[in-house]
Amino acid sequence: MGKHDVESGLYPTMNENPQFRWAFIRKVYIIIALQLLLTAAVASVVVFVPRIPDFVLRTPAGLAIYIGSVILSLILLCPLYVFHKKHPVNLILLVLFTVTFSFGVGLSCAFAPGKVILQAVILTSVMVTGLTLYTFWAVKRGQDFKFLGPFLFGSLLVLCFFGIMQVFFPFGKITTTIYSGLAALLFCAYIVYDTDELIKRYTYDEYICAAVSLYLDIVNLFLALLNILRVVDA
């Protein structure tokens, strides 16, 4: 496939320069790759330094730090959205958000066998690659996934509500598996939706928003698959 074919119009009604859009897409995926590498680095430190998860689980201060990191990662999304066009503030906020979010990912991995983590990584990689290629193929043939937005948002709210319930009323193995399975399906759909948005609707200076959206889709899919595999392996 020649360069002309690769950088041809991404979808039938495209009225912008395909080279500019491809450059934007490449930029976003480079940012996501760097975020995932940073997440892997932070999570590895948490997993391979047993004192960290022990400190979090066994001391009130550790638990407070963990809860604080989760809250901070959510809070950082607000200024990240507000300043997503302001360089280099947007990159600084992006790094802070990724590090704080990765701490929670590391704790999730700390209580899973290495085999399960590896399986979740492989499954996530295969699914993300397949869904991404499918979306580019479908969009090229005129498909539009914008209609999924309201349904996905509603489903996410329900999922978050049940997640909060789980804190006060822990689920059993079957319920956890069903919940994680639904979460995995939801974030698979979000990958398709956000990839469609990346191809068609994000402006060139919204690369941070595009990267954060897909990064969260990928990591949350990984966590859902990790939960499923952990229950199955138990």
C-alpha atoms as a PDB file:
ATOM      1  CA  MET A   1       0.000   0.000   0.000  1.00  0.00           C
ATOM      2  CA  GLY A   2       1.530   3.292  -1.108  1.00  0.00           C
ATOM      3  CA  LYS A   3       1.686   6.555   0.765  1.00  0.00           C
ATOM      4  CA  HIS A   4      -1.164   7.966  -1.332  1.00  0.00           C
ATOM      5  CA  ASP A   5      -3.433   5.102  -0.237  1.00  0.00           C
ATOM      6  CA  VAL A   6      -2.481   5.383   3.425  1.00  0.00           C
ATOM      7  CA  GLU A   7      -3.085   9.124   3.576  1.00  0.00           C
ATOM      8  CA  SER A   8      -6.249   9.146   1.480  1.00  0.00           C
ATOM      9  CA  GLY A   9      -9.559  10.372   2.864  1.00  0.00           C
ATOM     10  CA  LEU A  10     -10.472   8.658   6.114  1.00  0.00           C
ATOM     11  CA  TYR A  11     -14.223   8.737   5.452  1.00  0.00           C
ATOM     12  CA  PRO A  12     -16.458   9.526   2.450  1.00  0.00           C
ATOM     13  CA  THR A  13     -17.530  13.060   3.426  1.00  0.00           C
ATOM     14  CA  MET A  14     -14.101  14.214   4.612  1.00  0.00           C
ATOM     15  CA  ASN A  15     -13.443  17.831   3.597  1.00  0.00           C
ATOM     16  CA  GLU A  16     -10.086  18.471   5.273  1.00  0.00           C
ATOM     17  CA  ASN A  17      -6.524  17.641   4.276  1.00  0.00           C
ATOM     18  CA  PRO A  18      -6.041  13.924   5.102  1.00  0.00           C
ATOM     19  CA  GLN A  19      -2.347  14.483   5.885  1.00  0.00           C
ATOM     20  CA  PHE A  20      -3.218  16.939   8.673  1.00  0.00           C
ATOM     21  CA  ARG A  21      -5.747  14.523  10.175  1.00  0.00           C
ATOM     22  CA  TRP A  22      -3.300  11.597   9.982  1.00  0.00           C
ATOM     23  CA  ALA A  23      -0.625  13.724  11.663  1.00  0.00           C
ATOM     24  CA  PHE A  24      -3.101  14.550  14.445  1.00  0.00           C
ATOM     25  CA  ILE A  25      -4.029  10.876  14.878  1.00  0.00           C
ATOM     26  CA  ARG A  26      -0.375   9.854  15.063  1.00  0.00           C
ATOM     27  CA  LYS A  27       0.271  12.553  17.677  1.00  0.00           C
ATOM     28  CA  VAL A  28      -2.600  11.302  19.831  1.00  0.00           C
ATOM     29  CA  TYR A  29      -1.461   7.676  19.671  1.00  0.00           C
ATOM     30  CA  ILE A  30       2.105   8.671  20.572  1.00  0.00           C
ATOM     31  CA  ILE A  31       0.773  10.469  23.670  1.00  0.00           C
ATOM     32  CA  ILE A  32      -1.332   7.414  24.594  1.00  0.00           C
ATOM     33  CA  ALA A  33       1.692   5.127  24.171  1.00  0.00           C
ATOM     34  CA  LEU A  34       3.745   7.347  26.495  1.00  0.00           C
ATOM     35  CA  GLN A  35       0.899   7.372  29.030  1.00  0.00           C
ATOM     36  CA  LEU A  36       0.694   3.582  28.950  1.00  0.00           C
ATOM     37  CA  LEU A  37       4.465   3.293  29.409  1.00  0.00           C
ATOM     38  CA  LEU A  38       4.282   5.633  32.402  1.00  0.00           C
ATOM     39  CA  THR A  39       1.377   3.620  33.794  1.00  0.00           C
ATOM     40  CA  ALA A  40       3.349   0.395  33.386  1.00  0.00           C
ATOM     41  CA  ALA A  41       6.344   1.969  35.150  1.00  0.00           C
ATOM     42  CA  VAL A  42       4.323   3.264  38.114  1.00  0.00           C
ATOM     43  CA  ALA A  43       2.330   0.029  38.398  1.00  0.00           C
ATOM     44  CA  SER A  44       5.544  -2.015  38.299  1.00  0.00           C
ATOM     45  CA  VAL A  45       6.965  -0.064  41.228  1.00  0.00           C
ATOM     46  CA  VAL A  46       3.790  -0.716  43.230  1.00  0.00           C
ATOM     47  CA  VAL A  47       3.776  -4.424  42.335  1.00  0.00           C
ATOM     48  CA  PHE A  48       7.482  -5.127  42.913  1.00  0.00           C
ATOM     49  CA  VAL A  49       7.772  -3.143  46.145  1.00  0.00           C
ATOM     50  CA  PRO A  50       5.539  -5.172  48.516  1.00  0.00           C
ATOM     51  CA  ARG A  51       5.763  -2.551  51.239  1.00  0.00           C
ATOM     52  CA  ILE A  52       3.572  -0.195  49.196  1.00  0.00           C
ATOM     53  CA  PRO A  53       0.409  -2.364  48.966  1.00  0.00           C
ATOM     54  CA  ASP A  54       1.011  -3.584  52.533  1.00  0.00           C
ATOM     55  CA  PHE A  55       1.205   0.018  53.743  1.00  0.00           C
ATOM     56  CA  VAL A  56      -2.012   0.894  51.906  1.00  0.00           C
ATOM     57  CA  LEU A  57      -3.954  -2.103  53.220  1.00  0.00           C
ATOM     58  CA  ARG A  58      -2.717  -2.225  56.800  1.00  0.00           C
ATOM     59  CA  THR A  59      -2.455   1.401  57.866  1.00  0.00           C
ATOM     60  CA  PRO A  60      -5.038   4.199  57.994  1.00  0.00           C
ATOM     61  CA  ALA A  61      -2.476   6.604  56.513  1.00  0.00           C
ATOM     62  CA  GLY A  62      -1.880   4.280  53.556  1.00  0.00           C
ATOM     63  CA  LEU A  63      -5.588   3.923  52.919  1.00  0.00           C
ATOM     64  CA  ALA A  64      -5.984   7.699  53.114  1.00  0.00           C
ATOM     65  CA  ILE A  65      -3.185   8.142  50.561  1.00  0.00           C
ATOM     66  CA  TYR A  66      -4.847   5.656  48.227  1.00  0.00           C
ATOM     67  CA  ILE A  67      -8.263   7.305  48.492  1.00  0.00           C
ATOM     68  CA  GLY A  68      -6.598  10.698  48.094  1.00  0.00           C
ATOM     69  CA  SER A  69      -4.842   9.567  44.898  1.00  0.00           C
ATOM     70  CA  VAL A  70      -8.123   8.332  43.429  1.00  0.00           C
ATOM     71  CA  ILE A  71      -9.890  11.590  44.281  1.00  0.00           C
ATOM     72  CA  LEU A  72      -6.937  13.634  43.010  1.00  0.00           C
ATOM     73  CA  SER A  73      -6.941  11.826  39.656  1.00  0.00           C
ATOM     74  CA  LEU A  74     -10.639  12.664  39.257  1.00  0.00           C
ATOM     75  CA  ILE A  75     -10.088  16.273  40.320  1.00  0.00           C
ATOM     76  CA  LEU A  76      -7.194  16.662  37.862  1.00  0.00           C
ATOM     77  CA  LEU A  77      -9.551  15.860  34.993  1.00  0.00           C
ATOM     78  CA  CYS A  78     -11.250  19.237  35.541  1.00  0.00           C
ATOM     79  CA  PRO A  79      -8.198  21.526  35.097  1.00  0.00           C
ATOM     80  CA  LEU A  80      -6.930  19.139  32.416  1.00  0.00           C
ATOM     81  CA  TYR A  81     -10.105  19.786  30.431  1.00  0.00           C
ATOM     82  CA  VAL A  82     -10.020  23.543  31.108  1.00  0.00           C
ATOM     83  CA  PHE A  83      -6.352  23.937  30.119  1.00  0.00           C
ATOM     84  CA  HIS A  84      -6.155  21.226  27.460  1.00  0.00           C
ATOM     85  CA  LYS A  85      -5.123  23.818  24.856  1.00  0.00           C
ATOM     86  CA  LYS A  86      -2.594  25.651  27.056  1.00  0.00           C
ATOM     87  CA  HIS A  87       0.931  24.343  26.517  1.00  0.00           C
ATOM     88  CA  PRO A  88       2.909  23.240  28.584  1.00  0.00           C
ATOM     89  CA  VAL A  89       0.353  23.335  31.426  1.00  0.00           C
ATOM     90  CA  ASN A  90      -1.700  20.669  29.664  1.00  0.00           C
ATOM     91  CA  LEU A  91       1.270  18.280  29.507  1.00  0.00           C
ATOM     92  CA  ILE A  92       2.163  18.838  33.167  1.00  0.00           C
ATOM     93  CA  LEU A  93      -1.422  18.140  34.214  1.00  0.00           C
ATOM     94  CA  LEU A  94      -1.493  15.096  31.936  1.00  0.00           C
ATOM     95  CA  VAL A  95       1.602  13.628  33.617  1.00  0.00           C
ATOM     96  CA  LEU A  96       0.191  14.289  37.101  1.00  0.00           C
ATOM     97  CA  PHE A  97      -3.132  12.704  36.155  1.00  0.00           C
ATOM     98  CA  THR A  98      -1.448   9.656  34.627  1.00  0.00           C
ATOM     99  CA  VAL A  99       0.796   9.096  37.657  1.00  0.00           C
ATOM    100  CA  THR A 100      -2.028   9.375  40.213  1.00  0.00           C
ATOM    101  CA  PHE A 101      -4.329   7.158  38.149  1.00  0.00           C
ATOM    102  CA  SER A 102      -1.528   4.629  37.629  1.00  0.00           C
ATOM    103  CA  PHE A 103      -1.079   4.228  41.380  1.00  0.00           C
ATOM    104  CA  GLY A 104      -4.570   2.730  41.610  1.00  0.00           C
ATOM    105  CA  VAL A 105      -3.836   0.511  38.620  1.00  0.00           C
ATOM    106  CA  GLY A 106      -0.689  -0.716  40.349  1.00  0.00           C
ATOM    107  CA  LEU A 107      -2.615  -1.627  43.487  1.00  0.00           C
ATOM    108  CA  SER A 108      -5.114  -3.605  41.413  1.00  0.00           C
ATOM    109  CA  CYS A 109      -2.231  -5.513  39.835  1.00  0.00           C
ATOM    110  CA  ALA A 110      -0.470  -6.040  43.184  1.00  0.00           C
ATOM    111  CA  PHE A 111      -3.140  -8.491  44.305  1.00  0.00           C
ATOM    112  CA  ALA A 112      -3.269 -10.496  41.076  1.00  0.00           C
ATOM    113  CA  PRO A 113      -0.916 -13.335  40.033  1.00  0.00           C
ATOM    114  CA  GLY A 114       1.661 -12.465  37.381  1.00  0.00           C
ATOM    115  CA  LYS A 115       0.074 -14.962  34.973  1.00  0.00           C
ATOM    116  CA  VAL A 116      -3.293 -13.191  35.252  1.00  0.00           C
ATOM    117  CA  ILE A 117      -1.725  -9.766  34.670  1.00  0.00           C
ATOM    118  CA  LEU A 118       0.054 -11.052  31.557  1.00  0.00           C
ATOM    119  CA  GLN A 119      -3.170 -12.599  30.238  1.00  0.00           C
ATOM    120  CA  ALA A 120      -5.048  -9.330  30.819  1.00  0.00           C
ATOM    121  CA  VAL A 121      -2.334  -7.346  29.019  1.00  0.00           C
ATOM    122  CA  ILE A 122      -2.400  -9.690  26.010  1.00  0.00           C
ATOM    123  CA  LEU A 123      -6.204  -9.724  25.812  1.00  0.00           C
ATOM    124  CA  THR A 124      -6.376  -5.942  26.131  1.00  0.00           C
ATOM    125  CA  SER A 125      -3.755  -5.458  23.402  1.00  0.00           C
ATOM    126  CA  VAL A 126      -5.557  -7.802  21.018  1.00  0.00           C
ATOM    127  CA  MET A 127      -8.973  -6.271  21.663  1.00  0.00           C
ATOM    128  CA  VAL A 128      -7.775  -2.646  21.391  1.00  0.00           C
ATOM    129  CA  THR A 129      -5.911  -3.388  18.158  1.00  0.00           C
ATOM    130  CA  GLY A 130      -8.869  -5.240  16.667  1.00  0.00           C
ATOM    131  CA  LEU A 131     -11.434  -2.612  17.656  1.00  0.00           C
ATOM    132  CA  THR A 132      -9.234   0.221  16.394  1.00  0.00           C
ATOM    133  CA  LEU A 133      -8.666  -1.434  13.019  1.00  0.00           C
ATOM    134  CA  TYR A 134     -12.370  -2.260  12.757  1.00  0.00           C
ATOM    135  CA  THR A 135     -13.357   1.351  13.478  1.00  0.00           C
ATOM    136  CA  PHE A 136     -10.989   2.748  10.838  1.00  0.00           C
ATOM    137  CA  TRP A 137     -12.320   0.179   8.356  1.00  0.00           C
ATOM    138  CA  ALA A 138     -15.966   0.923   9.174  1.00  0.00           C
ATOM    139  CA  VAL A 139     -15.509   4.700   9.098  1.00  0.00           C
ATOM    140  CA  LYS A 140     -13.780   4.399   5.716  1.00  0.00           C
ATOM    141  CA  ARG A 141     -16.991   2.784   4.444  1.00  0.00           C
ATOM    142  CA  GLY A 142     -19.270   5.492   5.774  1.00  0.00           C
ATOM    143  CA  GLN A 143     -20.189   4.177   9.238  1.00  0.00           C
ATOM    144  CA  ASP A 144     -20.754   6.754  11.978  1.00  0.00           C
ATOM    145  CA  PHE A 145     -20.746   5.780  15.662  1.00  0.00           C
ATOM    146  CA  LYS A 146     -21.764   9.142  17.112  1.00  0.00           C
ATOM    147  CA  PHE A 147     -25.228   7.749  17.973  1.00  0.00           C
ATOM    148  CA  LEU A 148     -23.582   5.574  20.661  1.00  0.00           C
ATOM    149  CA  GLY A 149     -22.719   8.601  22.814  1.00  0.00           C
ATOM    150  CA  PRO A 150     -25.918   8.932  24.922  1.00  0.00           C
ATOM    151  CA  PHE A 151     -26.254   5.162  25.407  1.00  0.00           C
ATOM    152  CA  LEU A 152     -22.640   4.797  26.506  1.00  0.00           C
ATOM    153  CA  PHE A 153     -22.888   7.721  28.914  1.00  0.00           C
ATOM    154  CA  GLY A 154     -26.038   6.307  30.495  1.00  0.00           C
ATOM    155  CA  SER A 155     -24.437   2.886  30.808  1.00  0.00           C
ATOM    156  CA  LEU A 156     -21.347   4.425  32.398  1.00  0.00           C
ATOM    157  CA  LEU A 157     -23.470   6.159  35.031  1.00  0.00           C
ATOM    158  CA  VAL A 158     -25.165   2.866  35.925  1.00  0.00           C
ATOM    159  CA  LEU A 159     -21.781   1.128  36.070  1.00  0.00           C
ATOM    160  CA  CYS A 160     -20.365   3.817  38.371  1.00  0.00           C
ATOM    161  CA  PHE A 161     -23.427   3.561  40.628  1.00  0.00           C
ATOM    162  CA  PHE A 162     -22.986  -0.199  40.998  1.00  0.00           C
ATOM    163  CA  GLY A 163     -19.277   0.331  41.595  1.00  0.00           C
ATOM    164  CA  ILE A 164     -20.076   2.652  44.502  1.00  0.00           C
ATOM    165  CA  MET A 165     -22.573   0.100  45.839  1.00  0.00           C
ATOM    166  CA  GLN A 166     -19.858  -2.535  45.788  1.00  0.00           C
ATOM    167  CA  VAL A 167     -17.847  -0.494  48.312  1.00  0.00           C
ATOM    168  CA  PHE A 168     -20.665  -0.794  50.884  1.00  0.00           C
ATOM    169  CA  PHE A 169     -22.141  -4.139  49.774  1.00  0.00           C
ATOM    170  CA  PRO A 170     -19.327  -6.307  48.358  1.00  0.00           C
ATOM    171  CA  PHE A 171     -20.340  -8.492  45.429  1.00  0.00           C
ATOM    172  CA  GLY A 172     -19.865 -12.243  45.290  1.00  0.00           C
ATOM    173  CA  LYS A 173     -17.734 -13.952  42.643  1.00  0.00           C
ATOM    174  CA  ILE A 174     -20.582 -14.405  40.160  1.00  0.00           C
ATOM    175  CA  THR A 175     -21.803 -10.821  40.493  1.00  0.00           C
ATOM    176  CA  THR A 176     -18.235  -9.493  40.233  1.00  0.00           C
ATOM    177  CA  THR A 177     -17.675 -11.492  37.062  1.00  0.00           C
ATOM    178  CA  ILE A 178     -20.917 -10.236  35.507  1.00  0.00           C
ATOM    179  CA  TYR A 179     -20.146  -6.648  36.534  1.00  0.00           C
ATOM    180  CA  SER A 180     -16.610  -6.837  35.123  1.00  0.00           C
ATOM    181  CA  GLY A 181     -17.889  -8.460  31.924  1.00  0.00           C
ATOM    182  CA  LEU A 182     -20.387  -5.653  31.369  1.00  0.00           C
ATOM    183  CA  ALA A 183     -17.647  -3.116  32.111  1.00  0.00           C
ATOM    184  CA  ALA A 184     -15.385  -4.756  29.519  1.00  0.00           C
ATOM    185  CA  LEU A 185     -18.156  -4.610  26.888  1.00  0.00           C
ATOM    186  CA  LEU A 186     -18.846  -0.964  27.749  1.00  0.00           C
ATOM    187  CA  PHE A 187     -15.225   0.101  27.348  1.00  0.00           C
ATOM    188  CA  CYS A 188     -14.912  -1.881  24.122  1.00  0.00           C
ATOM    189  CA  ALA A 189     -17.803   0.195  22.803  1.00  0.00           C
ATOM    190  CA  TYR A 190     -16.152   3.350  24.129  1.00  0.00           C
ATOM    191  CA  ILE A 191     -12.965   2.512  22.208  1.00  0.00           C
ATOM    192  CA  VAL A 192     -14.985   2.349  18.988  1.00  0.00           C
ATOM    193  CA  TYR A 193     -16.851   5.564  19.841  1.00  0.00           C
ATOM    194  CA  ASP A 194     -13.769   7.560  20.864  1.00  0.00           C
ATOM    195  CA  THR A 195     -11.773   6.320  17.867  1.00  0.00           C
ATOM    196  CA  ASP A 196     -14.609   7.528  15.635  1.00  0.00           C
ATOM    197  CA  GLU A 197     -14.460  10.899  17.419  1.00  0.00           C
ATOM    198  CA  LEU A 198     -10.684  10.979  16.915  1.00  0.00           C
ATOM    199  CA  ILE A 199     -11.031  10.389  13.195  1.00  0.00           C
ATOM    200  CA  LYS A 200     -13.864  12.841  12.550  1.00  0.00           C
ATOM    201  CA  ARG A 201     -14.608  15.392  15.233  1.00  0.00           C
ATOM    202  CA  TYR A 202     -11.684  16.332  17.473  1.00  0.00           C
ATOM    203  CA  THR A 203      -9.986  19.549  16.386  1.00  0.00           C
ATOM    204  CA  TYR A 204      -6.208  19.642  16.014  1.00  0.00           C
ATOM    205  CA  ASP A 205      -5.651  21.409  19.358  1.00  0.00           C
ATOM    206  CA  GLU A 206      -7.766  18.872  21.295  1.00  0.00           C
ATOM    207  CA  TYR A 207      -5.078  16.179  21.268  1.00  0.00           C
ATOM    208  CA  ILE A 208      -5.003  16.019  25.082  1.00  0.00           C
ATOM    209  CA  CYS A 209      -8.749  15.357  25.345  1.00  0.00           C
ATOM    210  CA  ALA A 210      -8.553  12.719  22.628  1.00  0.00           C
ATOM    211  CA  ALA A 211      -5.583  10.994  24.284  1.00  0.00           C
ATOM    212  CA  VAL A 212      -7.119  10.985  27.781  1.00  0.00           C
ATOM    213  CA  SER A 213     -10.408   9.550  26.499  1.00  0.00           C
ATOM    214  CA  LEU A 214      -8.783   6.624  24.721  1.00  0.00           C
ATOM    215  CA  TYR A 215      -6.254   6.093  27.518  1.00  0.00           C
ATOM    216  CA  LEU A 216      -9.068   5.723  30.060  1.00  0.00           C
ATOM    217  CA  ASP A 217     -10.927   3.354  27.723  1.00  0.00           C
ATOM    218  CA  ILE A 218      -7.865   1.120  27.353  1.00  0.00           C
ATOM    219  CA  VAL A 219      -6.867   1.060  31.030  1.00  0.00           C
ATOM    220  CA  ASN A 220     -10.433   0.495  32.253  1.00  0.00           C
ATOM    221  CA  LEU A 221     -10.812  -2.357  29.762  1.00  0.00           C
ATOM    222  CA  PHE A 222      -7.608  -3.852  31.160  1.00  0.00           C
ATOM    223  CA  LEU A 223      -8.874  -3.541  34.735  1.00  0.00           C
ATOM    224  CA  ALA A 224     -12.209  -5.160  33.837  1.00  0.00           C
ATOM    225  CA  LEU A 225     -10.456  -8.082  32.137  1.00  0.00           C
ATOM    226  CA  LEU A 226      -8.060  -8.351  35.087  1.00  0.00           C
ATOM    227  CA  ASN A 227     -10.995  -8.697  37.489  1.00  0.00           C
ATOM    228  CA  ILE A 228     -12.605 -11.385  35.344  1.00  0.00           C
ATOM    229  CA  LEU A 229      -9.399 -13.400  35.017  1.00  0.00           C
ATOM    230  CA  ARG A 230      -8.619 -13.013  38.709  1.00  0.00           C
ATOM    231  CA  VAL A 231     -12.002 -14.479  39.674  1.00  0.00           C
ATOM    232  CA  VAL A 232     -11.630 -17.312  37.175  1.00  0.00           C
ATOM    233  CA  ASP A 233      -8.104 -18.084  38.392  1.00  0.00           C
ATOM    234  CA  ALA A 234      -9.124 -18.097  42.070  1.00  0.00           C
END
